[in-house]
């Protein structure tokens, strides 16, 4: 391919993705490891294209919150977020941290109780990709 042809190909690819900013999105079905703990049953995780930020939506409450993201390996991302909830005693913020492996589509999750000396409630589950991954996100995940 000649240099002008590469330029045309790059222009076509740029324009084809210019209309929408698609993000990496996963839907995860989770279950607690111990029956005595509360872990969200279903969450949606929507990463930005560069996988440095994410929005987490708890399906039960329909609340979307920002999550901190850090990459742990080529395919694993750690997420941390707080879910604002109203309780009888006032406003509580359950905090969660999770690890999402984008290669095997598995997630582990913990509910963090600040000040508690008890073992944090844990859960696990499987995820599925939402079909709207951009080319940048697909390349980031190693998909072509």
Protein backbone atom coordinates (compact mmCIF):
# COMPACT_ATOMS: atom_id res chain seq x y z
CA UNK A 1 0.00 0.00 0.00
CA UNK A 2 1.38 3.42 -0.88
CA UNK A 3 1.70 6.32 1.56
CA UNK A 4 -1.41 8.14 0.19
CA UNK A 5 -3.41 4.91 0.49
CA UNK A 6 -2.41 4.61 4.18
CA UNK A 7 -3.54 8.19 4.70
CA UNK A 8 -6.93 7.48 3.11
CA UNK A 9 -7.34 4.33 5.20
CA UNK A 10 -6.50 6.26 8.38
CA UNK A 11 -8.98 8.99 7.44
CA UNK A 12 -11.76 6.46 6.77
CA UNK A 13 -11.13 4.70 10.10
CA UNK A 14 -11.06 8.03 11.95
CA UNK A 15 -14.28 9.28 10.39
CA UNK A 16 -16.08 5.98 10.92
CA UNK A 17 -15.49 6.24 14.66
CA UNK A 18 -15.95 9.98 15.01
CA UNK A 19 -19.70 9.95 15.48
CA UNK A 20 -19.81 8.05 18.74
CA UNK A 21 -17.51 7.62 21.67
CA UNK A 22 -17.96 3.93 22.44
CA UNK A 23 -16.56 2.56 25.66
CA UNK A 24 -15.67 -0.89 26.94
CA UNK A 25 -18.78 -2.17 28.68
CA UNK A 26 -19.39 -5.31 30.72
CA UNK A 27 -22.43 -6.72 32.48
CA UNK A 28 -21.55 -8.85 35.51
CA UNK A 29 -23.78 -11.26 37.41
CA UNK A 30 -22.44 -11.70 40.94
CA UNK A 31 -23.21 -13.83 43.96
CA UNK A 32 -21.94 -13.72 47.54
CA UNK A 33 -19.50 -16.37 48.67
CA UNK A 34 -21.17 -16.50 52.09
CA UNK A 35 -24.96 -16.29 52.29
CA UNK A 36 -24.82 -13.85 55.22
CA UNK A 37 -23.32 -11.00 53.20
CA UNK A 38 -24.81 -8.57 50.71
CA UNK A 39 -23.10 -8.28 47.36
CA UNK A 40 -24.73 -6.60 44.33
CA UNK A 41 -26.40 -9.21 42.14
CA UNK A 42 -25.77 -7.44 38.85
CA UNK A 43 -23.60 -4.51 37.91
CA UNK A 44 -22.70 -2.84 34.65
CA UNK A 45 -19.17 -1.50 34.19
CA UNK A 46 -18.50 1.00 31.42
CA UNK A 47 -14.85 1.89 30.92
CA UNK A 48 -13.57 4.94 29.13
CA UNK A 49 -11.63 4.17 25.94
CA UNK A 50 -8.29 4.39 27.74
CA UNK A 51 -9.52 2.22 30.65
CA UNK A 52 -8.46 4.77 33.30
CA UNK A 53 -11.97 5.55 34.54
CA UNK A 54 -15.28 3.71 34.68
CA UNK A 55 -18.93 4.12 35.57
CA UNK A 56 -20.44 1.34 37.66
CA UNK A 57 -24.22 0.91 37.70
CA UNK A 58 -25.89 -1.28 40.32
CA UNK A 59 -28.84 -2.84 38.50
CA UNK A 60 -30.89 -3.21 41.70
CA UNK A 61 -30.78 0.50 42.53
CA UNK A 62 -30.23 1.94 39.05
CA UNK A 63 -27.53 4.22 40.43
CA UNK A 64 -24.41 5.01 38.39
CA UNK A 65 -21.25 6.11 40.17
CA UNK A 66 -17.68 6.81 39.13
CA UNK A 67 -15.07 4.19 39.90
CA UNK A 68 -11.34 4.46 40.29
CA UNK A 69 -9.54 2.07 37.94
CA UNK A 70 -6.03 0.70 38.01
CA UNK A 71 -4.57 -1.88 35.68
CA UNK A 72 -3.14 -4.91 37.53
CA UNK A 73 -2.01 -6.96 34.52
CA UNK A 74 -2.50 -7.05 30.77
CA UNK A 75 -6.08 -8.31 31.24
CA UNK A 76 -7.03 -7.46 34.84
CA UNK A 77 -8.40 -4.17 36.13
CA UNK A 78 -9.03 -3.20 39.76
CA UNK A 79 -12.07 -0.99 40.41
CA UNK A 80 -13.05 0.87 43.57
CA UNK A 81 -16.33 2.74 44.12
CA UNK A 82 -18.87 3.84 46.70
CA UNK A 83 -22.59 3.37 46.28
CA UNK A 84 -24.65 6.10 47.98
CA UNK A 85 -27.64 4.63 49.79
CA UNK A 86 -30.14 6.00 52.26
CA UNK A 87 -30.61 3.96 55.45
CA UNK A 88 -32.80 4.40 58.53
CA UNK A 89 -29.88 5.97 60.41
CA UNK A 90 -29.03 8.40 57.62
CA UNK A 91 -26.85 8.30 54.57
CA UNK A 92 -24.47 5.35 54.24
CA UNK A 93 -21.87 4.72 51.57
CA UNK A 94 -21.18 1.07 50.99
CA UNK A 95 -17.75 0.78 49.40
CA UNK A 96 -16.74 -1.92 46.97
CA UNK A 97 -13.60 -3.07 45.30
CA UNK A 98 -13.49 -5.55 42.49
CA UNK A 99 -11.09 -7.18 40.06
CA UNK A 100 -12.28 -7.78 36.50
CA UNK A 101 -10.35 -10.19 34.31
CA UNK A 102 -11.21 -9.26 30.73
CA UNK A 103 -9.63 -12.45 29.34
CA UNK A 104 -11.79 -14.99 31.18
CA UNK A 105 -14.64 -12.54 31.98
CA UNK A 106 -14.58 -13.25 35.74
CA UNK A 107 -14.97 -10.77 38.57
CA UNK A 108 -14.24 -10.97 42.27
CA UNK A 109 -15.74 -8.34 44.57
CA UNK A 110 -15.48 -7.25 48.22
CA UNK A 111 -17.72 -4.99 50.26
CA UNK A 112 -15.54 -2.79 52.45
CA UNK A 113 -16.85 -1.72 55.85
CA UNK A 114 -14.66 1.08 57.20
CA UNK A 115 -13.81 0.53 60.85
CA UNK A 116 -14.99 -3.07 60.89
CA UNK A 117 -12.68 -5.78 62.17
CA UNK A 118 -14.72 -8.55 60.52
CA UNK A 119 -13.68 -10.25 57.29
CA UNK A 120 -15.12 -8.19 54.39
CA UNK A 121 -18.03 -9.83 52.55
CA UNK A 122 -16.85 -11.25 49.25
CA UNK A 123 -18.45 -12.41 46.05
CA UNK A 124 -17.63 -13.57 42.55
CA UNK A 125 -19.26 -13.94 39.21
CA UNK A 126 -19.02 -13.91 35.48
CA UNK A 127 -19.30 -11.04 33.06
CA UNK A 128 -20.12 -10.60 29.42
CA UNK A 129 -18.99 -7.91 27.04
CA UNK A 130 -21.47 -5.48 25.71
CA UNK A 131 -21.21 -5.31 21.91
CA UNK A 132 -20.33 -1.60 21.69
CA UNK A 133 -16.54 -1.71 22.12
CA UNK A 134 -14.66 0.86 20.08
CA UNK A 135 -11.59 -0.09 18.04
CA UNK A 136 -9.38 1.51 20.70
CA UNK A 137 -11.03 -0.54 23.47
CA UNK A 138 -10.92 -3.73 21.38
CA UNK A 139 -7.19 -3.27 20.76
CA UNK A 140 -6.66 -2.54 24.46
CA UNK A 141 -8.34 -5.88 25.30
CA UNK A 142 -6.41 -7.74 22.62
CA UNK A 143 -9.43 -8.33 20.38
CA UNK A 144 -9.33 -7.68 16.65
